[in-house]
């Protein structure tokens, strides 16, 4: 592609590089200049105009953006994504329904190294999305790119972005109360958890308030029958063998982990009752603000296994915005 100022007599068929103000409006950048456009420019007293002229082997910005988006999303329904029409070298990727974003980060990095003019920007990996949400944007920065570079970019990025849909459609919530606990605290927790689930497209199928006792918790777990089990206790879990984890074991389940390097969210525990995941929620889950439990809940709801290594990796970027209502702040006022 050639770029620069040329006489109007040589500009027909070229792409206008910069918008030009006319007496009755503007001739927008990106316009392919025809004879009528050049006549208007001449009437305005212009002798030269800055243009981009495609050469053999060049692909125009919209065609290049469409080709890259099609390579990136060869199976829109299977990848949970829809593509917009190319405009000014841009194609947007949007989520078809709720879920989380899965990204082949190495493939995206490699694609963005092919040519500075060929770009893809995405949401962070594992970001929760809803229907219609913007997930990524393909942008060709210049008015054209070389076909050879475009082909290399397309080869390595096929299927690199997808939405993992929600697979666990129902959740059961067990809330425990300790003597003297304000009922408003229990109601607040239920509302916050139900809101999180609703955003994921998960139905709160059962919700039960029980005493803060292993046996009571075990009974509620056994009665739920939901795809995903959540426990929010009136007294914070402080150990792998505290009341709520013991309740999971008493029900016949297992507890794999207590604690995570995300704040707020440190006091989460993770277990299972048969094939059903069990999340012991930290007290900060009573707030709708983002906390570490959200990252675990969202992955499990979408059928993604959450390992010790996964949780350990959440520490990078895991210092989240403080929730002012917490009883113990990171930096006491």
C-alpha atoms as a PDB file:
ATOM      1  CA  UNK A   1       0.000   0.000   0.000  1.00  0.00           C
ATOM      2  CA  UNK A   2       1.221   3.471  -0.889  1.00  0.00           C
ATOM      3  CA  UNK A   3       0.324   6.362   1.392  1.00  0.00           C
ATOM      4  CA  UNK A   4       0.797  10.084   0.971  1.00  0.00           C
ATOM      5  CA  UNK A   5      -0.285  13.235  -0.862  1.00  0.00           C
ATOM      6  CA  UNK A   6      -1.000  13.031  -4.594  1.00  0.00           C
ATOM      7  CA  UNK A   7      -2.374  15.460  -7.175  1.00  0.00           C
ATOM      8  CA  UNK A   8      -6.135  15.239  -7.648  1.00  0.00           C
ATOM      9  CA  UNK A   9      -5.488  13.998 -11.174  1.00  0.00           C
ATOM     10  CA  UNK A  10      -3.906  10.817  -9.711  1.00  0.00           C
ATOM     11  CA  UNK A  11      -6.354  10.233  -6.836  1.00  0.00           C
ATOM     12  CA  UNK A  12      -9.273   8.519  -8.582  1.00  0.00           C
ATOM     13  CA  UNK A  13      -9.941   5.107  -7.002  1.00  0.00           C
ATOM     14  CA  UNK A  14      -7.711   5.807  -4.014  1.00  0.00           C
ATOM     15  CA  UNK A  15      -8.857   5.846  -0.385  1.00  0.00           C
ATOM     16  CA  UNK A  16      -9.145   9.253   1.262  1.00  0.00           C
ATOM     17  CA  UNK A  17      -6.822   9.210   4.273  1.00  0.00           C
ATOM     18  CA  UNK A  18      -8.197  12.219   6.165  1.00  0.00           C
ATOM     19  CA  UNK A  19     -11.638  13.809   6.248  1.00  0.00           C
ATOM     20  CA  UNK A  20     -11.922  17.036   4.256  1.00  0.00           C
ATOM     21  CA  UNK A  21     -14.286  19.878   5.143  1.00  0.00           C
ATOM     22  CA  UNK A  22     -16.422  21.029   2.206  1.00  0.00           C
ATOM     23  CA  UNK A  23     -18.733  23.977   1.831  1.00  0.00           C
ATOM     24  CA  UNK A  24     -21.805  21.760   2.345  1.00  0.00           C
ATOM     25  CA  UNK A  25     -20.402  19.117   4.673  1.00  0.00           C
ATOM     26  CA  UNK A  26     -17.442  16.744   4.906  1.00  0.00           C
ATOM     27  CA  UNK A  27     -15.924  14.104   2.701  1.00  0.00           C
ATOM     28  CA  UNK A  28     -15.166  11.367   5.211  1.00  0.00           C
ATOM     29  CA  UNK A  29     -11.885   9.544   5.478  1.00  0.00           C
ATOM     30  CA  UNK A  30     -12.031   6.027   4.112  1.00  0.00           C
ATOM     31  CA  UNK A  31     -14.099   7.081   1.091  1.00  0.00           C
ATOM     32  CA  UNK A  32     -12.986   5.648  -2.242  1.00  0.00           C
ATOM     33  CA  UNK A  33     -12.575   8.757  -4.375  1.00  0.00           C
ATOM     34  CA  UNK A  34     -14.588   8.967  -7.571  1.00  0.00           C
ATOM     35  CA  UNK A  35     -14.647  11.618 -10.269  1.00  0.00           C
ATOM     36  CA  UNK A  36     -17.503  13.509  -8.602  1.00  0.00           C
ATOM     37  CA  UNK A  37     -15.576  13.640  -5.307  1.00  0.00           C
ATOM     38  CA  UNK A  38     -12.480  14.942  -7.052  1.00  0.00           C
ATOM     39  CA  UNK A  39     -14.512  17.610  -8.830  1.00  0.00           C
ATOM     40  CA  UNK A  40     -15.890  18.850  -5.500  1.00  0.00           C
ATOM     41  CA  UNK A  41     -12.401  18.901  -3.999  1.00  0.00           C
ATOM     42  CA  UNK A  42     -11.141  20.894  -6.959  1.00  0.00           C
ATOM     43  CA  UNK A  43     -13.982  23.383  -6.571  1.00  0.00           C
ATOM     44  CA  UNK A  44     -12.866  23.896  -2.971  1.00  0.00           C
ATOM     45  CA  UNK A  45      -9.467  24.927  -4.231  1.00  0.00           C
ATOM     46  CA  UNK A  46      -7.550  21.757  -3.352  1.00  0.00           C
ATOM     47  CA  UNK A  47      -4.772  20.593  -5.663  1.00  0.00           C
ATOM     48  CA  UNK A  48      -3.470  17.669  -3.580  1.00  0.00           C
ATOM     49  CA  UNK A  49      -5.112  15.136  -1.291  1.00  0.00           C
ATOM     50  CA  UNK A  50      -3.622  12.515   1.056  1.00  0.00           C
ATOM     51  CA  UNK A  51      -4.656   9.015   0.056  1.00  0.00           C
ATOM     52  CA  UNK A  52      -3.926   5.337   0.493  1.00  0.00           C
ATOM     53  CA  UNK A  53      -3.509   3.416  -2.744  1.00  0.00           C
ATOM     54  CA  UNK A  54      -3.768  -0.361  -2.693  1.00  0.00           C
ATOM     55  CA  UNK A  55      -1.143  -2.348  -4.581  1.00  0.00           C
ATOM     56  CA  UNK A  56      -1.294  -5.890  -5.976  1.00  0.00           C
ATOM     57  CA  UNK A  57      -1.442  -8.323  -3.041  1.00  0.00           C
ATOM     58  CA  UNK A  58      -3.136  -5.840  -0.693  1.00  0.00           C
ATOM     59  CA  UNK A  59      -6.481  -6.538   1.006  1.00  0.00           C
ATOM     60  CA  UNK A  60      -8.754  -3.621   1.896  1.00  0.00           C
ATOM     61  CA  UNK A  61      -9.482  -3.046   5.584  1.00  0.00           C
ATOM     62  CA  UNK A  62     -13.081  -4.309   5.671  1.00  0.00           C
ATOM     63  CA  UNK A  63     -12.319  -7.412   3.624  1.00  0.00           C
ATOM     64  CA  UNK A  64      -9.289  -8.134   5.816  1.00  0.00           C
ATOM     65  CA  UNK A  65     -11.261  -7.671   9.043  1.00  0.00           C
ATOM     66  CA  UNK A  66     -14.008 -10.000   7.789  1.00  0.00           C
ATOM     67  CA  UNK A  67     -11.482 -12.656   6.757  1.00  0.00           C
ATOM     68  CA  UNK A  68      -9.732 -12.550  10.127  1.00  0.00           C
ATOM     69  CA  UNK A  69     -13.021 -12.650  12.068  1.00  0.00           C
ATOM     70  CA  UNK A  70     -14.232 -15.619  10.009  1.00  0.00           C
ATOM     71  CA  UNK A  71     -10.988 -17.466  10.718  1.00  0.00           C
ATOM     72  CA  UNK A  72     -11.211 -16.625  14.399  1.00  0.00           C
ATOM     73  CA  UNK A  73     -14.842 -17.751  14.657  1.00  0.00           C
ATOM     74  CA  UNK A  74     -15.333 -20.571  12.103  1.00  0.00           C
ATOM     75  CA  UNK A  75     -18.241 -22.010  14.116  1.00  0.00           C
ATOM     76  CA  UNK A  76     -20.264 -19.087  15.546  1.00  0.00           C
ATOM     77  CA  UNK A  77     -22.988 -21.234  17.145  1.00  0.00           C
ATOM     78  CA  UNK A  78     -20.485 -23.697  18.594  1.00  0.00           C
ATOM     79  CA  UNK A  79     -18.278 -20.907  19.898  1.00  0.00           C
ATOM     80  CA  UNK A  80     -21.223 -18.947  21.321  1.00  0.00           C
ATOM     81  CA  UNK A  81     -20.351 -15.830  19.324  1.00  0.00           C
ATOM     82  CA  UNK A  82     -21.923 -13.614  16.676  1.00  0.00           C
ATOM     83  CA  UNK A  83     -20.023 -11.347  14.281  1.00  0.00           C
ATOM     84  CA  UNK A  84     -20.972  -7.849  13.168  1.00  0.00           C
ATOM     85  CA  UNK A  85     -20.552  -6.597   9.612  1.00  0.00           C
ATOM     86  CA  UNK A  86     -17.152  -5.062   8.906  1.00  0.00           C
ATOM     87  CA  UNK A  87     -17.048  -1.275   9.145  1.00  0.00           C
ATOM     88  CA  UNK A  88     -13.959   0.942   9.024  1.00  0.00           C
ATOM     89  CA  UNK A  89     -11.819  -2.160   9.318  1.00  0.00           C
ATOM     90  CA  UNK A  90     -13.577  -3.422  12.441  1.00  0.00           C
ATOM     91  CA  UNK A  91     -15.598  -6.549  13.235  1.00  0.00           C
ATOM     92  CA  UNK A  92     -17.000  -7.043  16.737  1.00  0.00           C
ATOM     93  CA  UNK A  93     -17.472 -10.400  18.435  1.00  0.00           C
ATOM     94  CA  UNK A  94     -20.517 -10.607  20.700  1.00  0.00           C
ATOM     95  CA  UNK A  95     -21.723 -13.277  23.100  1.00  0.00           C
ATOM     96  CA  UNK A  96     -24.832 -15.153  22.034  1.00  0.00           C
ATOM     97  CA  UNK A  97     -25.764 -16.067  25.615  1.00  0.00           C
ATOM     98  CA  UNK A  98     -24.439 -16.129  29.189  1.00  0.00           C
ATOM     99  CA  UNK A  99     -21.199 -17.871  30.044  1.00  0.00           C
ATOM    100  CA  UNK A 100     -17.493 -17.210  30.472  1.00  0.00           C
ATOM    101  CA  UNK A 101     -14.812 -16.320  27.931  1.00  0.00           C
ATOM    102  CA  UNK A 102     -12.226 -18.956  27.042  1.00  0.00           C
ATOM    103  CA  UNK A 103      -9.192 -17.657  25.149  1.00  0.00           C
ATOM    104  CA  UNK A 104      -6.148 -19.322  23.607  1.00  0.00           C
ATOM    105  CA  UNK A 105      -3.843 -16.575  24.851  1.00  0.00           C
ATOM    106  CA  UNK A 106      -0.760 -17.858  23.022  1.00  0.00           C
ATOM    107  CA  UNK A 107      -2.634 -17.866  19.705  1.00  0.00           C
ATOM    108  CA  UNK A 108      -3.903 -14.316  20.225  1.00  0.00           C
ATOM    109  CA  UNK A 109      -0.446 -13.043  21.162  1.00  0.00           C
ATOM    110  CA  UNK A 110       1.090 -14.713  18.111  1.00  0.00           C
ATOM    111  CA  UNK A 111      -1.576 -13.240  15.842  1.00  0.00           C
ATOM    112  CA  UNK A 112      -0.989  -9.749  17.193  1.00  0.00           C
ATOM    113  CA  UNK A 113       2.732 -10.137  16.409  1.00  0.00           C
ATOM    114  CA  UNK A 114       2.213 -10.864  12.710  1.00  0.00           C
ATOM    115  CA  UNK A 115       1.693  -7.250  11.640  1.00  0.00           C
ATOM    116  CA  UNK A 116       1.060  -4.176  13.807  1.00  0.00           C
ATOM    117  CA  UNK A 117      -1.892  -3.278  11.576  1.00  0.00           C
ATOM    118  CA  UNK A 118      -3.660  -6.606  12.227  1.00  0.00           C
ATOM    119  CA  UNK A 119      -5.120  -6.599  15.728  1.00  0.00           C
ATOM    120  CA  UNK A 120      -7.476  -8.433  18.046  1.00  0.00           C
ATOM    121  CA  UNK A 121      -8.475  -7.120  21.482  1.00  0.00           C
ATOM    122  CA  UNK A 122     -10.511  -9.303  23.842  1.00  0.00           C
ATOM    123  CA  UNK A 123     -11.957  -9.365  27.314  1.00  0.00           C
ATOM    124  CA  UNK A 124      -9.761 -11.043  29.952  1.00  0.00           C
ATOM    125  CA  UNK A 125      -9.872 -14.857  30.049  1.00  0.00           C
ATOM    126  CA  UNK A 126     -12.715 -16.281  32.156  1.00  0.00           C
ATOM    127  CA  UNK A 127     -14.658 -13.001  32.149  1.00  0.00           C
ATOM    128  CA  UNK A 128     -18.381 -13.551  32.735  1.00  0.00           C
ATOM    129  CA  UNK A 129     -20.555 -12.350  29.866  1.00  0.00           C
ATOM    130  CA  UNK A 130     -24.241 -12.006  29.095  1.00  0.00           C
ATOM    131  CA  UNK A 131     -26.106 -12.128  25.789  1.00  0.00           C
ATOM    132  CA  UNK A 132     -25.064  -9.318  23.440  1.00  0.00           C
ATOM    133  CA  UNK A 133     -21.958  -8.386  25.421  1.00  0.00           C
ATOM    134  CA  UNK A 134     -18.873  -7.333  23.444  1.00  0.00           C
ATOM    135  CA  UNK A 135     -16.227 -10.057  23.802  1.00  0.00           C
ATOM    136  CA  UNK A 136     -13.600  -8.987  21.302  1.00  0.00           C
ATOM    137  CA  UNK A 137     -12.923  -6.649  18.410  1.00  0.00           C
ATOM    138  CA  UNK A 138     -10.926  -7.286  15.265  1.00  0.00           C
ATOM    139  CA  UNK A 139      -9.439  -4.042  13.922  1.00  0.00           C
ATOM    140  CA  UNK A 140      -7.340  -3.492  10.825  1.00  0.00           C
ATOM    141  CA  UNK A 141      -5.534  -0.275  11.665  1.00  0.00           C
ATOM    142  CA  UNK A 142      -4.381   0.736   8.195  1.00  0.00           C
ATOM    143  CA  UNK A 143      -6.537   1.026   5.081  1.00  0.00           C
ATOM    144  CA  UNK A 144      -5.134  -2.237   3.726  1.00  0.00           C
ATOM    145  CA  UNK A 145      -2.777  -5.054   4.700  1.00  0.00           C
ATOM    146  CA  UNK A 146      -0.724  -7.500   2.691  1.00  0.00           C
ATOM    147  CA  UNK A 147      -2.456 -10.764   1.858  1.00  0.00           C
ATOM    148  CA  UNK A 148       0.573 -12.785   3.000  1.00  0.00           C
ATOM    149  CA  UNK A 149       0.455 -11.207   6.469  1.00  0.00           C
ATOM    150  CA  UNK A 150      -3.303 -11.637   6.675  1.00  0.00           C
ATOM    151  CA  UNK A 151      -3.003 -15.313   5.750  1.00  0.00           C
ATOM    152  CA  UNK A 152      -0.426 -15.897   8.497  1.00  0.00           C
ATOM    153  CA  UNK A 153      -2.652 -14.170  11.039  1.00  0.00           C
ATOM    154  CA  UNK A 154      -5.673 -16.254  10.033  1.00  0.00           C
ATOM    155  CA  UNK A 155      -3.807 -19.560  10.140  1.00  0.00           C
ATOM    156  CA  UNK A 156      -2.833 -19.430  13.775  1.00  0.00           C
ATOM    157  CA  UNK A 157      -5.963 -18.017  15.394  1.00  0.00           C
ATOM    158  CA  UNK A 158      -8.759 -20.391  14.347  1.00  0.00           C
ATOM    159  CA  UNK A 159     -11.214 -20.907  17.192  1.00  0.00           C
ATOM    160  CA  UNK A 160      -9.041 -19.001  19.678  1.00  0.00           C
ATOM    161  CA  UNK A 161     -11.994 -17.292  21.395  1.00  0.00           C
ATOM    162  CA  UNK A 162     -15.197 -18.937  22.551  1.00  0.00           C
ATOM    163  CA  UNK A 163     -17.914 -18.620  25.159  1.00  0.00           C
ATOM    164  CA  UNK A 164     -18.301 -21.571  27.485  1.00  0.00           C
ATOM    165  CA  UNK A 165     -22.049 -21.730  28.172  1.00  0.00           C
ATOM    166  CA  UNK A 166     -23.635 -22.334  31.541  1.00  0.00           C
ATOM    167  CA  UNK A 167     -24.140 -26.082  32.044  1.00  0.00           C
ATOM    168  CA  UNK A 168     -25.249 -26.242  35.675  1.00  0.00           C
ATOM    169  CA  UNK A 169     -28.686 -24.675  35.484  1.00  0.00           C
ATOM    170  CA  UNK A 170     -29.830 -24.956  39.122  1.00  0.00           C
ATOM    171  CA  UNK A 171     -28.220 -24.054  42.436  1.00  0.00           C
ATOM    172  CA  UNK A 172     -29.076 -24.797  46.037  1.00  0.00           C
ATOM    173  CA  UNK A 173     -28.214 -22.295  48.766  1.00  0.00           C
ATOM    174  CA  UNK A 174     -27.796 -23.228  52.435  1.00  0.00           C
ATOM    175  CA  UNK A 175     -27.612 -20.284  54.834  1.00  0.00           C
ATOM    176  CA  UNK A 176     -26.693 -20.852  58.472  1.00  0.00           C
ATOM    177  CA  UNK A 177     -27.618 -18.663  61.419  1.00  0.00           C
ATOM    178  CA  UNK A 178     -25.976 -18.343  64.805  1.00  0.00           C
ATOM    179  CA  UNK A 179     -27.859 -17.337  67.953  1.00  0.00           C
ATOM    180  CA  UNK A 180     -28.697 -13.650  67.969  1.00  0.00           C
ATOM    181  CA  UNK A 181     -28.057 -13.163  64.250  1.00  0.00           C
ATOM    182  CA  UNK A 182     -30.133 -10.452  62.576  1.00  0.00           C
ATOM    183  CA  UNK A 183     -32.509 -11.982  60.036  1.00  0.00           C
ATOM    184  CA  UNK A 184     -31.724  -9.052  57.728  1.00  0.00           C
ATOM    185  CA  UNK A 185     -28.190 -10.417  57.300  1.00  0.00           C
ATOM    186  CA  UNK A 186     -29.570 -13.731  56.063  1.00  0.00           C
ATOM    187  CA  UNK A 187     -31.964 -12.020  53.662  1.00  0.00           C
ATOM    188  CA  UNK A 188     -29.168  -9.797  52.350  1.00  0.00           C
ATOM    189  CA  UNK A 189     -27.002 -12.829  51.611  1.00  0.00           C
ATOM    190  CA  UNK A 190     -29.778 -14.614  49.787  1.00  0.00           C
ATOM    191  CA  UNK A 191     -30.511 -11.584  47.593  1.00  0.00           C
ATOM    192  CA  UNK A 192     -26.857 -11.141  46.657  1.00  0.00           C
ATOM    193  CA  UNK A 193     -26.384 -14.805  45.749  1.00  0.00           C
ATOM    194  CA  UNK A 194     -29.632 -14.967  43.799  1.00  0.00           C
ATOM    195  CA  UNK A 195     -28.515 -11.894  41.826  1.00  0.00           C
ATOM    196  CA  UNK A 196     -25.206 -13.544  40.938  1.00  0.00           C
ATOM    197  CA  UNK A 197     -26.950 -16.690  39.796  1.00  0.00           C
ATOM    198  CA  UNK A 198     -29.516 -14.764  37.765  1.00  0.00           C
ATOM    199  CA  UNK A 199     -26.736 -12.973  35.876  1.00  0.00           C
ATOM    200  CA  UNK A 200     -25.347 -16.380  34.932  1.00  0.00           C
ATOM    201  CA  UNK A 201     -28.720 -17.750  33.898  1.00  0.00           C
ATOM    202  CA  UNK A 202     -28.745 -20.168  36.845  1.00  0.00           C
ATOM    203  CA  UNK A 203     -31.954 -20.692  38.813  1.00  0.00           C
ATOM    204  CA  UNK A 204     -31.886 -20.770  42.604  1.00  0.00           C
ATOM    205  CA  UNK A 205     -33.943 -23.931  42.911  1.00  0.00           C
ATOM    206  CA  UNK A 206     -33.649 -24.406  46.685  1.00  0.00           C
ATOM    207  CA  UNK A 207     -32.813 -22.093  49.559  1.00  0.00           C
ATOM    208  CA  UNK A 208     -32.813 -23.238  53.163  1.00  0.00           C
ATOM    209  CA  UNK A 209     -31.898 -21.534  56.440  1.00  0.00           C
ATOM    210  CA  UNK A 210     -30.507 -23.890  59.083  1.00  0.00           C
ATOM    211  CA  UNK A 211     -28.651 -23.752  62.385  1.00  0.00           C
ATOM    212  CA  UNK A 212     -24.892 -23.308  62.254  1.00  0.00           C
ATOM    213  CA  UNK A 213     -24.302 -26.989  62.913  1.00  0.00           C
ATOM    214  CA  UNK A 214     -22.635 -29.752  60.830  1.00  0.00           C
ATOM    215  CA  UNK A 215     -25.646 -32.039  61.046  1.00  0.00           C
ATOM    216  CA  UNK A 216     -28.091 -29.331  59.986  1.00  0.00           C
ATOM    217  CA  UNK A 217     -25.860 -28.390  57.059  1.00  0.00           C
ATOM    218  CA  UNK A 218     -25.496 -32.030  56.008  1.00  0.00           C
ATOM    219  CA  UNK A 219     -29.262 -32.507  56.008  1.00  0.00           C
ATOM    220  CA  UNK A 220     -29.852 -29.416  53.862  1.00  0.00           C
ATOM    221  CA  UNK A 221     -27.191 -30.513  51.375  1.00  0.00           C
ATOM    222  CA  UNK A 222     -28.811 -33.917  51.022  1.00  0.00           C
ATOM    223  CA  UNK A 223     -32.255 -32.403  50.436  1.00  0.00           C
ATOM    224  CA  UNK A 224     -31.267 -29.895  47.758  1.00  0.00           C
ATOM    225  CA  UNK A 225     -30.919 -31.918  44.558  1.00  0.00           C
ATOM    226  CA  UNK A 226     -29.456 -28.909  42.697  1.00  0.00           C
ATOM    227  CA  UNK A 227     -26.629 -28.973  40.128  1.00  0.00           C
ATOM    228  CA  UNK A 228     -24.459 -26.692  42.260  1.00  0.00           C
ATOM    229  CA  UNK A 229     -24.442 -26.280  46.055  1.00  0.00           C
ATOM    230  CA  UNK A 230     -23.564 -23.083  47.923  1.00  0.00           C
ATOM    231  CA  UNK A 231     -23.118 -22.554  51.665  1.00  0.00           C
ATOM    232  CA  UNK A 232     -23.128 -19.106  53.254  1.00  0.00           C
ATOM    233  CA  UNK A 233     -22.535 -19.303  56.990  1.00  0.00           C
ATOM    234  CA  UNK A 234     -23.558 -16.965  59.765  1.00  0.00           C
ATOM    235  CA  UNK A 235     -20.136 -17.415  61.350  1.00  0.00           C
ATOM    236  CA  UNK A 236     -17.080 -17.246  59.090  1.00  0.00           C
ATOM    237  CA  UNK A 237     -15.261 -20.466  58.233  1.00  0.00           C
ATOM    238  CA  UNK A 238     -11.814 -20.365  59.840  1.00  0.00           C
ATOM    239  CA  UNK A 239     -10.365 -23.804  59.177  1.00  0.00           C
ATOM    240  CA  UNK A 240     -10.564 -26.787  56.844  1.00  0.00           C
ATOM    241  CA  UNK A 241     -12.335 -28.654  59.678  1.00  0.00           C
ATOM    242  CA  UNK A 242     -14.684 -25.877  60.763  1.00  0.00           C
ATOM    243  CA  UNK A 243     -18.470 -26.277  60.943  1.00  0.00           C
ATOM    244  CA  UNK A 244     -19.446 -25.959  57.262  1.00  0.00           C
ATOM    245  CA  UNK A 245     -16.666 -28.163  55.838  1.00  0.00           C
ATOM    246  CA  UNK A 246     -17.520 -30.783  58.439  1.00  0.00           C
ATOM    247  CA  UNK A 247     -21.149 -30.575  57.336  1.00  0.00           C
ATOM    248  CA  UNK A 248     -20.082 -31.411  53.765  1.00  0.00           C
ATOM    249  CA  UNK A 249     -18.111 -34.423  55.007  1.00  0.00           C
ATOM    250  CA  UNK A 250     -21.023 -35.546  57.197  1.00  0.00           C
ATOM    251  CA  UNK A 251     -23.248 -35.496  54.105  1.00  0.00           C
ATOM    252  CA  UNK A 252     -20.853 -37.901  52.380  1.00  0.00           C
ATOM    253  CA  UNK A 253     -18.913 -35.281  50.467  1.00  0.00           C
ATOM    254  CA  UNK A 254     -15.319 -34.189  50.324  1.00  0.00           C
ATOM    255  CA  UNK A 255     -13.548 -30.880  50.944  1.00  0.00           C
ATOM    256  CA  UNK A 256     -10.570 -30.218  48.691  1.00  0.00           C
ATOM    257  CA  UNK A 257      -9.442 -26.785  49.749  1.00  0.00           C
ATOM    258  CA  UNK A 258      -9.937 -23.965  52.226  1.00  0.00           C
ATOM    259  CA  UNK A 259      -8.616 -20.474  51.391  1.00  0.00           C
ATOM    260  CA  UNK A 260      -7.759 -18.610  48.204  1.00  0.00           C
ATOM    261  CA  UNK A 261      -5.279 -15.815  47.329  1.00  0.00           C
ATOM    262  CA  UNK A 262      -7.998 -13.360  46.328  1.00  0.00           C
ATOM    263  CA  UNK A 263      -9.116 -10.510  48.552  1.00  0.00           C
ATOM    264  CA  UNK A 264     -12.006 -10.083  49.192  1.00  0.00           C
ATOM    265  CA  UNK A 265     -12.708 -13.795  49.096  1.00  0.00           C
ATOM    266  CA  UNK A 266      -9.945 -15.400  51.177  1.00  0.00           C
ATOM    267  CA  UNK A 267     -12.263 -17.570  53.274  1.00  0.00           C
ATOM    268  CA  UNK A 268     -13.739 -19.676  50.474  1.00  0.00           C
ATOM    269  CA  UNK A 269     -13.725 -23.455  50.659  1.00  0.00           C
ATOM    270  CA  UNK A 270     -14.284 -25.866  47.807  1.00  0.00           C
ATOM    271  CA  UNK A 271     -15.652 -29.379  47.947  1.00  0.00           C
ATOM    272  CA  UNK A 272     -17.985 -31.828  46.275  1.00  0.00           C
ATOM    273  CA  UNK A 273     -20.972 -34.022  47.069  1.00  0.00           C
ATOM    274  CA  UNK A 274     -20.737 -36.792  44.530  1.00  0.00           C
ATOM    275  CA  UNK A 275     -20.497 -35.089  41.131  1.00  0.00           C
ATOM    276  CA  UNK A 276     -21.999 -31.859  42.469  1.00  0.00           C
ATOM    277  CA  UNK A 277     -19.563 -29.053  43.368  1.00  0.00           C
ATOM    278  CA  UNK A 278     -19.949 -27.410  46.779  1.00  0.00           C
ATOM    279  CA  UNK A 279     -18.708 -23.872  47.383  1.00  0.00           C
ATOM    280  CA  UNK A 280     -18.364 -22.543  50.894  1.00  0.00           C
ATOM    281  CA  UNK A 281     -18.862 -18.837  50.298  1.00  0.00           C
ATOM    282  CA  UNK A 282     -16.885 -16.150  52.141  1.00  0.00           C
ATOM    283  CA  UNK A 283     -18.876 -13.568  54.073  1.00  0.00           C
ATOM    284  CA  UNK A 284     -18.089 -10.901  51.453  1.00  0.00           C
ATOM    285  CA  UNK A 285     -20.460 -12.751  49.106  1.00  0.00           C
ATOM    286  CA  UNK A 286     -23.285 -10.939  50.915  1.00  0.00           C
ATOM    287  CA  UNK A 287     -22.244  -7.922  48.887  1.00  0.00           C
ATOM    288  CA  UNK A 288     -22.924  -7.804  45.137  1.00  0.00           C
ATOM    289  CA  UNK A 289     -19.366  -6.489  44.634  1.00  0.00           C
ATOM    290  CA  UNK A 290     -16.860  -8.748  42.862  1.00  0.00           C
ATOM    291  CA  UNK A 291     -14.993 -11.171  45.100  1.00  0.00           C
ATOM    292  CA  UNK A 292     -12.964 -14.346  44.665  1.00  0.00           C
ATOM    293  CA  UNK A 293     -15.993 -16.610  44.997  1.00  0.00           C
ATOM    294  CA  UNK A 294     -17.400 -15.146  41.778  1.00  0.00           C
ATOM    295  CA  UNK A 295     -14.454 -16.490  39.780  1.00  0.00           C
ATOM    296  CA  UNK A 296     -14.924 -19.983  41.206  1.00  0.00           C
ATOM    297  CA  UNK A 297     -18.720 -19.960  40.914  1.00  0.00           C
ATOM    298  CA  UNK A 298     -18.679 -18.799  37.285  1.00  0.00           C
ATOM    299  CA  UNK A 299     -16.234 -21.473  36.148  1.00  0.00           C
ATOM    300  CA  UNK A 300     -18.000 -24.280  37.949  1.00  0.00           C
ATOM    301  CA  UNK A 301     -21.379 -23.180  36.575  1.00  0.00           C
ATOM    302  CA  UNK A 302     -19.919 -23.473  33.068  1.00  0.00           C
ATOM    303  CA  UNK A 303     -18.541 -26.961  33.668  1.00  0.00           C
ATOM    304  CA  UNK A 304     -14.901 -25.910  34.088  1.00  0.00           C
ATOM    305  CA  UNK A 305     -12.919 -27.810  36.694  1.00  0.00           C
ATOM    306  CA  UNK A 306     -11.273 -25.539  39.263  1.00  0.00           C
ATOM    307  CA  UNK A 307      -7.974 -26.966  40.487  1.00  0.00           C
ATOM    308  CA  UNK A 308      -5.519 -25.900  43.177  1.00  0.00           C
ATOM    309  CA  UNK A 309      -3.309 -24.514  40.414  1.00  0.00           C
ATOM    310  CA  UNK A 310      -6.209 -22.473  39.031  1.00  0.00           C
ATOM    311  CA  UNK A 311      -6.952 -20.925  42.406  1.00  0.00           C
ATOM    312  CA  UNK A 312      -3.261 -20.268  43.062  1.00  0.00           C
ATOM    313  CA  UNK A 313      -3.070 -18.432  39.742  1.00  0.00           C
ATOM    314  CA  UNK A 314      -5.956 -16.165  40.728  1.00  0.00           C
ATOM    315  CA  UNK A 315      -3.631 -14.378  43.136  1.00  0.00           C
ATOM    316  CA  UNK A 316      -2.168 -12.391  40.226  1.00  0.00           C
ATOM    317  CA  UNK A 317      -4.821  -9.718  39.800  1.00  0.00           C
ATOM    318  CA  UNK A 318      -6.590 -11.010  42.887  1.00  0.00           C
ATOM    319  CA  UNK A 319      -6.351  -7.807  44.916  1.00  0.00           C
ATOM    320  CA  UNK A 320      -9.875  -6.605  44.210  1.00  0.00           C
ATOM    321  CA  UNK A 321     -11.662  -3.434  45.181  1.00  0.00           C
ATOM    322  CA  UNK A 322     -12.266  -3.242  48.907  1.00  0.00           C
ATOM    323  CA  UNK A 323     -15.811  -3.881  50.145  1.00  0.00           C
ATOM    324  CA  UNK A 324     -16.319  -1.174  52.731  1.00  0.00           C
ATOM    325  CA  UNK A 325     -18.990  -3.116  54.621  1.00  0.00           C
ATOM    326  CA  UNK A 326     -16.581  -5.907  55.583  1.00  0.00           C
ATOM    327  CA  UNK A 327     -16.049  -6.236  59.343  1.00  0.00           C
ATOM    328  CA  UNK A 328     -12.260  -6.391  58.906  1.00  0.00           C
ATOM    329  CA  UNK A 329     -10.813  -4.083  56.266  1.00  0.00           C
ATOM    330  CA  UNK A 330      -7.361  -4.550  54.732  1.00  0.00           C
ATOM    331  CA  UNK A 331      -6.342  -1.131  56.014  1.00  0.00           C
ATOM    332  CA  UNK A 332      -8.274  -0.199  59.163  1.00  0.00           C
ATOM    333  CA  UNK A 333      -9.574   3.343  59.119  1.00  0.00           C
END
